[in-house]
Amino acid sequence: MKNFYITTPIYYVNDLPHIGHAYTSLCCDYIARFKRLDGFNVRYLTGTDEHGQKVENAAISKKIDPKSFVDNVSKNFLELTKVLNLSNTDFIRTTQERHKKSCEFLWKKLYDNGHIYLGKYSGWYSVRDEAYFQESELIDGKAPTGADVEWVEEPSYFFNLSKWQDKLIELYDKNIDFILPKSRRNEVLSFVKGGLKDLSISRTSFSWGINVPDNSDHIMYVWLDALTNYITYSGFGVDEEEFKKNWPADLHVVGKDILRFHAVYWPAFLLAADLPLPKKVFAHGWWTNEGEKISKSLGNVIDPVKLIDNYGLDQVRYFLLREVPFGNDGDFSKSQLLQRINSELANNLGNLVQRVVSFCLKNTMGKVPNHKEKFVKEDLEIINSFENELTTLRDLINKQKLDESLKEIWQKISKSNKYIDEQAPWNLKNSDIDRMNTILYCLLESIRQIGIFLQPVMPDASNKILNIFDLKDSERSFKYLSSRLISGINLKKQNPIFPRIET
C-alpha cells in the first residue's frame, strides 16, 4: 500500500472551536477517506497548538495556570473530532513530551548546521497573530489582519531566513503546485521576492513555551514550535526509521491567514535542517455569515456543534464541502443550507433510494432481481457510470477540487433519477416482468456504487445505503466498484436516508 499523509493546521487554544476549524478538518477528512477507499495507507493528523504569549495572557485573565487552561480548551477540539466523525489517526498537542523532544532535536540540528545565532530583536509584534511584522506591512498602525501590534525589544535567537530567499524561489519555480491555489502562490512569491529578513525565533518576555536547549532564559518562537508538530507525528527525533518511512507529508491544508508560516518559514526550516519538504501546501479561504464578516463583536460566530444538532452531521458535512470551491472564501447561508438538504439530499438522493428499494420490497420479494435480458445502452450507462468515473474523481481529489468532485457524483445521481423516470418500471409489472427486473437491477447497482462513493463525504448516510445490500466492510472500497450485485440477495428496509426539513 502507498502511504498518504495529510494534516490540518494545529488549532490555537485561545478560544472555542468555530466553523473555520470544522471546515478545514472536514476537507482533510474527505480527502483522507477517499484515499483509504482507493487503497492508500492514510495518516491524518490534527491537534492543538498550546504555547505562546496569547495563551499565557488568556490563562492569566482567567486566574489559572497555562497548563490547566490548555488542558480544558484542548478537550473541546478533541471532542470536535468525534462530533464531526473525523477519521484522523492521531491528535497531537504541543504540550506533549514527544513534541518537546522533536522541537529540541530540530533546534539543535539548525544550530549545529550554523543557521541560528544570538542577537537582539527590535520590531513590531502581534500577540493575537503570534507574528512579527515589518513597518511597511502595517496598515494604519495595525497588522494586515487588523490585530494590534506592539513594539518589542528583547534578546533573541535568530534563524538566517534571508539566506534561503533564492532557494525558496527556486523551490516555487520548480514545483509549480507546491503552493495552491495559484493566487496564493503568487502572493507568497511576491512576498519572498520582496526580500526576506532573518527571523526572531525565541522570546524572553514570557515563559509559556518550550525552552531553548542549553539556554532556559529563552523559549522557542511559537511558530517554530507549532510547525514542528508535523514531523513529531512522523517520529522525528525519536525514531529515525519511523521518520524516514512516514515523512514527508503529502498535503498540508491551512487557512489563508497562516500560509506564510507554512509556505515560507516551514520549508526554510526544513531545508536548513537537511530534511525533505512537504509535497504541497493548500490554503483555503474564510467563511462569512449571511454576507457579514464573522466576529464575536457582531455575535455571529457559527458553532459547528449547534449546527450539527439542528441539521444533522452528514447534511452539514455535505453542505460545507459542496457549497464553496475549495480555496475560495465562502458565505454561510441558512437558506442555502436548507436548499441543498431538501433538493440535493432529500429529493435527489434520498428519494432515489427510497422509491427503488420500496418498489423492490413490494415487487421482487425484497430481493435483488434477476436480469435475464441483455443490458441495453441506457442500462450500461447507469451500471458503469461510477466505475468509469473513478479516474476523473481521483484527478479532482488530487487537485483538491472537492466541490467539483461532489458535483460529478451528483450528475450521476441525477442520471439515475432520469433513468428511472424514462424507463418507468412500474408500468412493466404486468406486461414485461423481465425488463422490469433488469431496470431495477441497474438502479440497485447504481445505488450501491453511489453508496461507495459517498463514504468520504457522508459516512453515516452511505453506510445506511450500503447496509441495504448487507455488504461486508471489505466490499465497500473502490476496488469493488466492478463487482456487480448478486441476484437473489435480500434487501434490507431503511428509513428515509434524508428526511426533508420543513422551513
Protein backbone atom coordinates (compact mmCIF):
# COMPACT_ATOMS: atom_id res chain seq x y z
CA MET A 1 0.00 0.00 0.00
CA LYS A 2 1.16 3.51 -0.80
CA ASN A 3 1.39 5.98 2.07
CA PHE A 4 -0.58 9.23 2.14
CA TYR A 5 -0.03 11.79 4.90
CA ILE A 6 -2.40 14.76 5.27
CA THR A 7 -2.57 17.41 8.00
CA THR A 8 -4.80 20.17 9.27
CA PRO A 9 -3.06 23.09 10.94
CA ILE A 10 -3.00 22.53 14.68
CA TYR A 11 -5.63 24.80 16.18
CA TYR A 12 -4.74 27.55 18.63
CA VAL A 13 -6.37 27.01 22.02
CA ASN A 14 -7.25 30.58 22.96
CA ASP A 15 -10.97 30.05 22.29
CA LEU A 16 -13.71 27.55 21.38
CA PRO A 17 -13.83 25.74 18.01
CA HIS A 18 -15.78 27.52 15.24
CA ILE A 19 -16.94 26.86 11.70
CA GLY A 20 -13.48 27.54 10.24
CA HIS A 21 -11.90 24.77 12.32
CA ALA A 22 -14.68 22.37 11.32
CA TYR A 23 -14.34 23.24 7.64
CA THR A 24 -10.58 22.62 7.48
CA SER A 25 -10.92 19.33 9.33
CA LEU A 26 -13.79 18.12 7.13
CA CYS A 27 -11.93 18.93 3.93
CA CYS A 28 -8.97 16.88 5.14
CA ASP A 29 -11.29 14.10 6.27
CA TYR A 30 -12.90 13.91 2.82
CA ILE A 31 -9.51 13.55 1.15
CA ALA A 32 -8.26 11.06 3.77
CA ARG A 33 -11.33 8.83 3.48
CA PHE A 34 -11.22 8.94 -0.33
CA LYS A 35 -7.56 7.85 -0.32
CA ARG A 36 -8.26 4.97 2.08
CA LEU A 37 -11.03 3.68 -0.16
CA ASP A 38 -8.56 3.93 -3.05
CA GLY A 39 -6.08 1.62 -1.33
CA PHE A 40 -3.73 4.04 0.42
CA ASN A 41 -2.32 3.72 3.93
CA VAL A 42 -3.52 7.09 5.20
CA ARG A 43 -2.15 9.09 8.11
CA TYR A 44 -4.30 12.06 9.02
CA LEU A 45 -3.10 14.44 11.72
CA THR A 46 -4.88 17.19 13.60
CA GLY A 47 -4.42 18.66 17.06
CA THR A 48 -3.86 21.78 19.14
CA ASP A 49 -1.20 24.49 19.35
CA GLU A 50 -0.88 25.29 23.05
CA HIS A 51 2.06 27.64 23.65
CA GLY A 52 2.71 31.35 23.22
CA GLN A 53 2.03 34.73 24.75
CA LYS A 54 -1.64 34.78 23.74
CA VAL A 55 -2.32 31.57 25.67
CA GLU A 56 -0.36 32.79 28.68
CA ASN A 57 -2.35 36.06 28.70
CA ALA A 58 -5.66 34.17 28.39
CA ALA A 59 -4.72 31.92 31.32
CA ILE A 60 -3.72 34.90 33.46
CA SER A 61 -7.03 36.63 32.71
CA LYS A 62 -8.88 33.54 34.00
CA LYS A 63 -6.52 33.29 37.01
CA ILE A 64 -5.43 29.73 36.25
CA ASP A 65 -2.08 28.27 35.24
CA PRO A 66 -1.44 27.88 31.48
CA LYS A 67 -1.34 24.07 31.55
CA SER A 68 -4.75 23.83 33.20
CA PHE A 69 -6.08 26.37 30.71
CA VAL A 70 -4.85 24.47 27.62
CA ASP A 71 -5.99 21.13 29.06
CA ASN A 72 -9.54 22.48 29.28
CA VAL A 73 -9.65 24.12 25.86
CA SER A 74 -7.87 21.30 24.00
CA LYS A 75 -10.64 18.93 25.14
CA ASN A 76 -13.13 20.95 23.07
CA PHE A 77 -11.08 20.41 19.91
CA LEU A 78 -10.64 16.71 20.67
CA GLU A 79 -14.38 16.41 21.18
CA LEU A 80 -14.98 18.18 17.86
CA THR A 81 -13.13 15.39 16.04
CA LYS A 82 -15.77 12.99 17.39
CA VAL A 83 -18.71 15.29 16.70
CA LEU A 84 -17.54 15.69 13.08
CA ASN A 85 -16.88 11.94 12.76
CA LEU A 86 -13.32 12.58 11.62
CA SER A 87 -11.08 9.69 10.63
CA ASN A 88 -7.87 11.27 11.96
CA THR A 89 -5.21 8.79 13.01
CA ASP A 90 -3.68 10.99 15.72
CA PHE A 91 -4.41 14.11 17.75
CA ILE A 92 -1.27 15.96 18.70
CA ARG A 93 -0.78 18.51 21.47
CA THR A 94 2.29 20.73 21.58
CA THR A 95 2.48 20.25 25.35
CA GLN A 96 3.18 16.53 24.88
CA GLU A 97 6.63 15.21 25.74
CA ARG A 98 7.10 13.64 22.28
CA HIS A 99 6.65 17.08 20.74
CA LYS A 100 9.07 18.75 23.11
CA LYS A 101 11.72 16.20 22.11
CA SER A 102 11.16 16.83 18.40
CA CYS A 103 11.38 20.61 18.86
CA GLU A 104 14.61 20.35 20.80
CA PHE A 105 16.05 17.97 18.21
CA LEU A 106 15.16 20.33 15.35
CA TRP A 107 16.63 23.34 17.20
CA LYS A 108 19.92 21.54 17.79
CA LYS A 109 20.07 20.45 14.15
CA LEU A 110 19.50 24.02 12.94
CA TYR A 111 22.03 25.36 15.47
CA ASP A 112 24.67 22.73 14.64
CA ASN A 113 24.21 23.47 10.93
CA GLY A 114 25.07 27.12 11.62
CA HIS A 115 21.64 28.63 10.91
CA ILE A 116 20.85 30.06 14.37
CA TYR A 117 22.66 32.95 16.09
CA LEU A 118 22.04 35.08 19.20
CA GLY A 119 21.15 38.75 18.79
CA LYS A 120 18.56 41.35 19.82
CA TYR A 121 15.10 41.83 18.35
CA SER A 122 13.57 45.27 17.90
CA GLY A 123 10.35 45.50 15.94
CA TRP A 124 6.59 45.16 15.74
CA TYR A 125 4.89 42.06 17.13
CA SER A 126 1.23 40.99 17.15
CA VAL A 127 0.31 38.90 20.17
CA ARG A 128 -3.02 37.90 18.55
CA ASP A 129 -1.32 36.64 15.38
CA GLU A 130 1.86 35.49 17.20
CA ALA A 131 3.71 37.06 14.28
CA TYR A 132 6.36 39.68 13.53
CA PHE A 133 5.65 42.45 11.02
CA GLN A 134 7.84 44.92 9.20
CA GLU A 135 6.95 48.62 9.31
CA SER A 136 6.00 48.50 5.63
CA GLU A 137 3.42 45.76 6.31
CA LEU A 138 1.43 47.73 8.89
CA ILE A 139 -1.89 49.24 7.85
CA ASP A 140 -2.98 52.26 9.90
CA GLY A 141 -0.67 51.14 12.66
CA LYS A 142 -2.07 47.60 12.80
CA ALA A 143 -1.13 44.19 11.42
CA PRO A 144 -2.56 43.28 7.99
CA THR A 145 -5.11 41.13 9.85
CA GLY A 146 -6.31 44.15 11.83
CA ALA A 147 -4.65 42.94 15.04
CA ASP A 148 -2.92 45.37 17.37
CA VAL A 149 0.86 45.37 17.34
CA GLU A 150 3.35 46.37 19.99
CA TRP A 151 6.97 47.41 19.83
CA VAL A 152 9.20 44.65 21.21
CA GLU A 153 12.85 44.85 22.18
CA GLU A 154 14.48 41.80 23.76
CA PRO A 155 17.40 39.39 23.35
CA SER A 156 16.57 36.80 20.74
CA TYR A 157 17.95 33.91 18.76
CA PHE A 158 17.59 34.41 15.01
CA PHE A 159 17.18 31.98 12.14
CA ASN A 160 19.02 33.10 8.99
CA LEU A 161 15.88 33.21 6.86
CA SER A 162 17.42 35.73 4.45
CA LYS A 163 19.87 33.07 3.29
CA TRP A 164 17.02 30.95 1.93
CA GLN A 165 15.33 33.51 -0.29
CA ASP A 166 16.81 32.26 -3.58
CA LYS A 167 16.34 28.62 -2.66
CA LEU A 168 12.67 29.22 -1.84
CA ILE A 169 12.07 30.99 -5.14
CA GLU A 170 13.78 28.08 -6.89
CA LEU A 171 11.50 25.68 -4.99
CA TYR A 172 8.36 27.54 -6.09
CA ASP A 173 9.55 27.72 -9.70
CA LYS A 174 10.44 24.03 -9.95
CA ASN A 175 7.34 22.81 -8.09
CA ILE A 176 4.51 24.82 -9.58
CA ASP A 177 1.93 23.05 -7.37
CA PHE A 178 3.87 23.35 -4.11
CA ILE A 179 1.53 26.21 -3.11
CA LEU A 180 -2.11 26.16 -4.19
CA PRO A 181 -4.37 27.79 -5.25
CA LYS A 182 -2.29 29.73 -7.77
CA SER A 183 -3.47 33.08 -6.42
CA ARG A 184 -1.95 32.21 -3.03
CA ARG A 185 1.22 31.02 -4.71
CA ASN A 186 1.56 34.41 -6.37
CA GLU A 187 1.13 36.18 -3.02
CA VAL A 188 3.86 34.11 -1.39
CA LEU A 189 6.21 34.51 -4.35
CA SER A 190 5.74 38.28 -4.24
CA PHE A 191 6.44 38.35 -0.51
CA VAL A 192 9.64 36.33 -0.83
CA LYS A 193 10.91 38.31 -3.83
CA GLY A 194 10.31 41.47 -1.80
CA GLY A 195 13.19 40.41 0.44
CA LEU A 196 13.42 38.18 3.49
CA LYS A 197 14.93 39.25 6.79
CA ASP A 198 16.34 36.94 9.44
CA LEU A 199 13.59 35.65 11.73
CA SER A 200 13.48 36.02 15.50
CA ILE A 201 12.83 32.52 16.84
CA SER A 202 12.96 32.95 20.62
CA ARG A 203 11.33 35.12 23.30
CA THR A 204 12.36 36.12 26.82
CA SER A 205 9.47 38.37 27.90
CA PHE A 206 7.15 35.49 28.87
CA SER A 207 7.63 31.88 29.88
CA TRP A 208 4.86 29.66 28.44
CA GLY A 209 6.59 27.57 25.81
CA ILE A 210 9.40 25.10 25.11
CA ASN A 211 12.77 26.14 26.48
CA VAL A 212 15.62 26.69 24.04
CA PRO A 213 18.15 23.88 24.55
CA ASP A 214 21.07 25.00 26.76
CA ASN A 215 19.54 28.43 27.45
CA SER A 216 16.40 28.31 29.59
CA ASP A 217 16.14 32.13 29.61
CA HIS A 218 14.68 31.78 26.10
CA ILE A 219 11.60 29.93 24.87
CA MET A 220 11.13 28.91 21.24
CA TYR A 221 9.07 31.14 18.96
CA VAL A 222 5.59 29.63 18.94
CA TRP A 223 5.58 29.08 15.16
CA LEU A 224 8.86 27.12 15.16
CA ASP A 225 7.30 25.05 17.95
CA ALA A 226 3.92 24.65 16.20
CA LEU A 227 5.18 23.76 12.71
CA THR A 228 7.36 21.00 14.14
CA ASN A 229 4.21 19.04 15.05
CA TYR A 230 4.06 17.65 11.51
CA ILE A 231 7.37 15.86 11.95
CA THR A 232 6.74 14.99 15.60
CA TYR A 233 3.97 12.67 14.43
CA SER A 234 6.36 11.12 11.93
CA GLY A 235 8.83 10.16 14.67
CA PHE A 236 11.39 12.95 14.22
CA GLY A 237 13.99 12.97 16.99
CA VAL A 238 12.59 9.77 18.49
CA ASP A 239 12.60 7.02 15.84
CA GLU A 240 14.73 7.66 12.74
CA GLU A 241 13.45 4.65 10.80
CA GLU A 242 9.84 5.61 11.52
CA PHE A 243 10.54 9.15 10.40
CA LYS A 244 12.06 8.05 7.09
CA LYS A 245 9.04 5.84 6.47
CA ASN A 246 6.41 8.48 7.28
CA TRP A 247 7.82 11.81 6.12
CA PRO A 248 7.31 13.94 4.02
CA ALA A 249 3.67 14.97 4.25
CA ASP A 250 1.72 14.79 1.00
CA LEU A 251 -0.54 17.70 1.84
CA HIS A 252 -0.71 20.48 4.45
CA VAL A 253 -4.16 22.12 4.44
CA VAL A 254 -4.19 25.57 6.08
CA GLY A 255 -6.24 28.76 6.24
CA LYS A 256 -5.01 31.56 4.00
CA ASP A 257 -4.10 33.67 7.05
CA ILE A 258 -1.31 31.27 8.07
CA LEU A 259 0.02 30.43 4.61
CA ARG A 260 3.23 32.44 5.04
CA PHE A 261 4.30 30.34 8.01
CA HIS A 262 3.73 27.10 6.09
CA ALA A 263 4.99 28.15 2.66
CA VAL A 264 7.98 30.31 3.67
CA TYR A 265 9.19 29.63 7.21
CA TRP A 266 8.45 25.89 7.30
CA PRO A 267 10.26 24.90 4.08
CA ALA A 268 13.18 27.18 5.07
CA PHE A 269 13.48 25.42 8.45
CA LEU A 270 13.39 22.02 6.74
CA LEU A 271 15.95 22.98 4.09
CA ALA A 272 18.26 24.28 6.80
CA ALA A 273 17.87 21.04 8.74
CA ASP A 274 18.55 18.91 5.62
CA LEU A 275 15.08 17.39 5.79
CA PRO A 276 12.66 16.54 2.94
CA LEU A 277 9.94 19.08 2.17
CA PRO A 278 6.19 18.50 2.20
CA LYS A 279 4.82 17.93 -1.29
CA LYS A 280 2.06 20.55 -1.23
CA VAL A 281 0.57 23.35 0.88
CA PHE A 282 -3.05 24.24 0.10
CA ALA A 283 -4.62 27.40 1.54
CA HIS A 284 -8.40 27.70 1.73
CA GLY A 285 -10.48 30.82 2.26
CA TRP A 286 -12.58 32.23 5.09
CA TRP A 287 -16.29 31.95 5.80
CA THR A 288 -18.72 34.82 6.26
CA ASN A 289 -22.17 34.51 7.82
CA GLU A 290 -25.09 35.69 5.66
CA GLY A 291 -22.71 38.09 3.90
CA GLU A 292 -21.17 39.54 7.07
CA LYS A 293 -17.67 39.01 8.45
CA ILE A 294 -17.79 36.59 11.37
CA SER A 295 -16.74 38.13 14.68
CA LYS A 296 -17.52 37.92 18.37
CA SER A 297 -18.46 41.60 18.47
CA LEU A 298 -21.21 41.01 15.88
CA GLY A 299 -22.37 37.92 17.74
CA ASN A 300 -22.50 35.85 14.56
CA VAL A 301 -19.89 33.19 15.29
CA ILE A 302 -21.12 29.84 13.95
CA ASP A 303 -20.89 26.96 16.43
CA PRO A 304 -20.42 23.75 14.39
CA VAL A 305 -21.81 21.60 17.21
CA LYS A 306 -25.10 23.53 17.31
CA LEU A 307 -25.26 23.48 13.53
CA ILE A 308 -24.98 19.69 13.52
CA ASP A 309 -27.55 19.37 16.31
CA ASN A 310 -30.02 21.39 14.24
CA TYR A 311 -29.48 19.95 10.76
CA GLY A 312 -27.61 16.65 11.05
CA LEU A 313 -23.95 15.71 10.73
CA ASP A 314 -23.87 14.38 7.18
CA GLN A 315 -26.05 17.22 5.99
CA VAL A 316 -23.57 19.77 7.38
CA ARG A 317 -20.59 17.83 6.07
CA TYR A 318 -22.09 17.81 2.58
CA PHE A 319 -23.05 21.48 2.63
CA LEU A 320 -19.64 22.76 3.74
CA LEU A 321 -17.79 20.62 1.20
CA ARG A 322 -20.17 21.30 -1.69
CA GLU A 323 -21.02 24.96 -1.20
CA VAL A 324 -17.63 26.59 -1.86
CA PRO A 325 -14.91 25.94 -4.44
CA PHE A 326 -12.07 24.77 -2.19
CA GLY A 327 -9.60 27.64 -1.88
CA ASN A 328 -12.19 30.43 -2.21
CA ASP A 329 -13.94 32.39 0.51
CA GLY A 330 -17.44 31.17 1.27
CA ASP A 331 -20.65 32.52 2.73
CA PHE A 332 -22.74 30.51 5.16
CA SER A 333 -26.43 30.92 4.38
CA LYS A 334 -29.15 29.10 6.29
CA SER A 335 -31.48 29.24 3.28
CA GLN A 336 -28.80 27.77 1.03
CA LEU A 337 -28.10 25.01 3.56
CA LEU A 338 -31.81 24.11 3.62
CA GLN A 339 -31.96 24.25 -0.17
CA ARG A 340 -29.12 21.74 -0.53
CA ILE A 341 -30.55 19.45 2.16
CA ASN A 342 -34.05 19.38 0.69
CA SER A 343 -33.22 19.49 -3.00
CA GLU A 344 -29.98 17.55 -3.38
CA LEU A 345 -30.04 15.22 -0.38
CA ALA A 346 -33.75 14.58 0.30
CA ASN A 347 -35.25 14.91 -3.20
CA ASN A 348 -32.41 13.84 -5.45
CA LEU A 349 -30.52 11.19 -3.46
CA GLY A 350 -32.89 10.15 -0.68
CA ASN A 351 -35.91 9.87 -2.93
CA LEU A 352 -33.99 7.75 -5.47
CA VAL A 353 -33.01 5.23 -2.80
CA GLN A 354 -36.45 5.20 -1.20
CA ARG A 355 -38.51 4.72 -4.35
CA VAL A 356 -36.27 1.98 -5.82
CA VAL A 357 -35.87 -0.06 -2.65
CA SER A 358 -39.54 0.31 -1.67
CA PHE A 359 -40.63 -0.84 -5.13
CA CYS A 360 -38.33 -3.88 -4.91
CA LEU A 361 -39.56 -4.78 -1.44
CA LYS A 362 -43.11 -4.93 -2.86
CA ASN A 363 -42.49 -6.36 -6.33
CA THR A 364 -39.34 -8.54 -6.29
CA MET A 365 -39.96 -10.30 -2.95
CA GLY A 366 -37.46 -7.93 -1.31
CA LYS A 367 -34.55 -9.35 -3.28
CA VAL A 368 -32.12 -8.09 -5.91
CA PRO A 369 -33.93 -9.25 -9.07
CA ASN A 370 -32.50 -11.41 -11.85
CA HIS A 371 -31.67 -9.62 -15.08
CA LYS A 372 -32.48 -12.14 -17.79
CA GLU A 373 -32.45 -9.56 -20.52
CA LYS A 374 -29.25 -8.30 -22.07
CA PHE A 375 -28.35 -4.81 -20.96
CA VAL A 376 -29.15 -2.09 -23.47
CA LYS A 377 -27.14 1.11 -23.91
CA GLU A 378 -29.12 3.06 -21.29
CA ASP A 379 -28.62 0.25 -18.75
CA LEU A 380 -24.88 0.10 -19.26
CA GLU A 381 -24.56 3.86 -18.84
CA ILE A 382 -26.10 3.52 -15.39
CA ILE A 383 -24.31 0.45 -14.08
CA ASN A 384 -20.89 1.51 -15.43
CA SER A 385 -21.17 5.20 -14.60
CA PHE A 386 -19.13 5.31 -11.41
CA GLU A 387 -16.60 2.70 -12.41
CA ASN A 388 -15.84 4.80 -15.48
CA GLU A 389 -15.68 7.99 -13.42
CA LEU A 390 -13.12 6.81 -10.85
CA THR A 391 -10.19 8.25 -12.81
CA THR A 392 -11.94 11.62 -13.07
CA LEU A 393 -12.73 11.70 -9.37
CA ARG A 394 -9.17 10.73 -8.44
CA ASP A 395 -7.86 13.61 -10.50
CA LEU A 396 -10.25 16.08 -8.87
CA ILE A 397 -9.32 14.93 -5.37
CA ASN A 398 -5.60 15.08 -6.16
CA LYS A 399 -6.11 18.67 -7.34
CA GLN A 400 -8.17 19.48 -4.22
CA LYS A 401 -11.25 20.30 -6.31
CA LEU A 402 -13.55 18.93 -3.66
CA ASP A 403 -16.75 20.71 -4.65
CA GLU A 404 -16.28 19.63 -8.27
CA SER A 405 -15.90 16.01 -7.24
CA LEU A 406 -19.26 16.19 -5.46
CA LYS A 407 -20.81 17.90 -8.46
CA GLU A 408 -19.55 14.98 -10.57
CA ILE A 409 -21.16 12.44 -8.24
CA TRP A 410 -24.45 14.33 -8.23
CA GLN A 411 -24.56 14.32 -12.01
CA LYS A 412 -24.57 10.53 -11.83
CA ILE A 413 -27.33 10.58 -9.22
CA SER A 414 -29.38 12.84 -11.49
CA LYS A 415 -28.80 10.43 -14.39
CA SER A 416 -30.16 7.58 -12.27
CA ASN A 417 -33.26 9.63 -11.46
CA LYS A 418 -33.73 10.42 -15.14
CA TYR A 419 -33.27 6.72 -15.99
CA ILE A 420 -35.99 5.55 -13.59
CA ASP A 421 -38.43 8.20 -14.86
CA GLU A 422 -37.78 7.31 -18.51
CA GLN A 423 -37.81 3.53 -18.03
CA ALA A 424 -40.83 3.61 -15.65
CA PRO A 425 -40.53 0.05 -14.28
CA TRP A 426 -43.91 0.39 -12.52
CA ASN A 427 -45.57 0.33 -15.95
CA LEU A 428 -44.00 -3.05 -16.74
CA LYS A 429 -45.29 -5.12 -13.80
CA ASN A 430 -47.99 -6.78 -15.87
CA SER A 431 -46.55 -6.54 -19.38
CA ASP A 432 -42.78 -7.25 -19.25
CA ILE A 433 -41.55 -8.56 -15.92
CA ASP A 434 -38.09 -9.43 -17.25
CA ARG A 435 -37.49 -5.88 -18.46
CA MET A 436 -38.79 -4.50 -15.16
CA ASN A 437 -36.35 -6.69 -13.25
CA THR A 438 -33.45 -5.61 -15.45
CA ILE A 439 -34.23 -1.92 -14.88
CA LEU A 440 -34.50 -2.45 -11.13
CA TYR A 441 -31.23 -4.39 -11.09
CA CYS A 442 -29.47 -1.49 -12.84
CA LEU A 443 -30.95 1.01 -10.39
CA LEU A 444 -29.90 -1.03 -7.35
CA GLU A 445 -26.40 -1.42 -8.79
CA SER A 446 -26.25 2.35 -9.33
CA ILE A 447 -27.33 2.94 -5.72
CA ARG A 448 -24.62 0.55 -4.48
CA GLN A 449 -21.96 2.49 -6.39
CA ILE A 450 -23.37 5.80 -5.16
CA GLY A 451 -23.12 4.50 -1.60
CA ILE A 452 -19.47 3.54 -2.10
CA PHE A 453 -18.53 6.96 -3.49
CA LEU A 454 -20.39 8.95 -0.83
CA GLN A 455 -18.50 7.33 2.07
CA PRO A 456 -15.81 10.05 2.23
CA VAL A 457 -18.28 12.93 2.45
CA MET A 458 -21.25 11.37 4.28
CA PRO A 459 -20.05 8.27 6.15
CA ASP A 460 -23.24 7.58 8.12
CA ALA A 461 -25.66 8.05 5.24
CA SER A 462 -23.55 6.00 2.84
CA ASN A 463 -23.34 3.17 5.38
CA LYS A 464 -27.15 3.15 5.57
CA ILE A 465 -27.26 2.85 1.79
CA LEU A 466 -24.69 0.05 1.67
CA ASN A 467 -26.36 -1.75 4.56
CA ILE A 468 -29.40 -2.20 2.32
CA PHE A 469 -27.29 -4.80 0.46
CA ASP A 470 -25.69 -6.16 3.65
CA LEU A 471 -22.21 -5.56 2.21
CA LYS A 472 -19.19 -6.51 4.27
CA ASP A 473 -16.76 -3.74 5.23
CA SER A 474 -14.20 -5.30 2.89
CA GLU A 475 -16.64 -4.92 -0.03
CA ARG A 476 -17.03 -1.15 0.30
CA SER A 477 -13.75 0.08 -1.24
CA PHE A 478 -13.25 1.35 -4.78
CA LYS A 479 -11.75 -1.91 -5.97
CA TYR A 480 -15.22 -3.47 -5.59
CA LEU A 481 -16.88 -0.99 -7.94
CA SER A 482 -16.83 -3.53 -10.76
CA SER A 483 -18.16 -6.36 -8.56
CA ARG A 484 -21.81 -6.46 -9.52
CA LEU A 485 -24.65 -7.18 -7.14
CA ILE A 486 -25.63 -10.84 -6.88
CA SER A 487 -29.22 -11.53 -7.86
CA GLY A 488 -31.30 -13.04 -5.11
CA ILE A 489 -29.70 -11.35 -2.10
CA ASN A 490 -32.17 -9.89 0.39
CA LEU A 491 -32.63 -6.14 0.56
CA LYS A 492 -32.91 -4.54 3.99
CA LYS A 493 -35.52 -1.89 4.57
CA GLN A 494 -34.21 1.53 5.58
CA ASN A 495 -35.94 4.58 6.97
CA PRO A 496 -35.65 7.64 4.69
CA ILE A 497 -31.94 8.50 4.43
CA PHE A 498 -32.52 12.27 4.33
CA PRO A 499 -35.90 13.48 5.59
CA ARG A 500 -36.92 16.89 4.31
CA ILE A 501 -36.55 19.79 6.71
CA GLU A 502 -39.63 21.97 6.69
CA THR A 503 -38.86 25.68 6.80
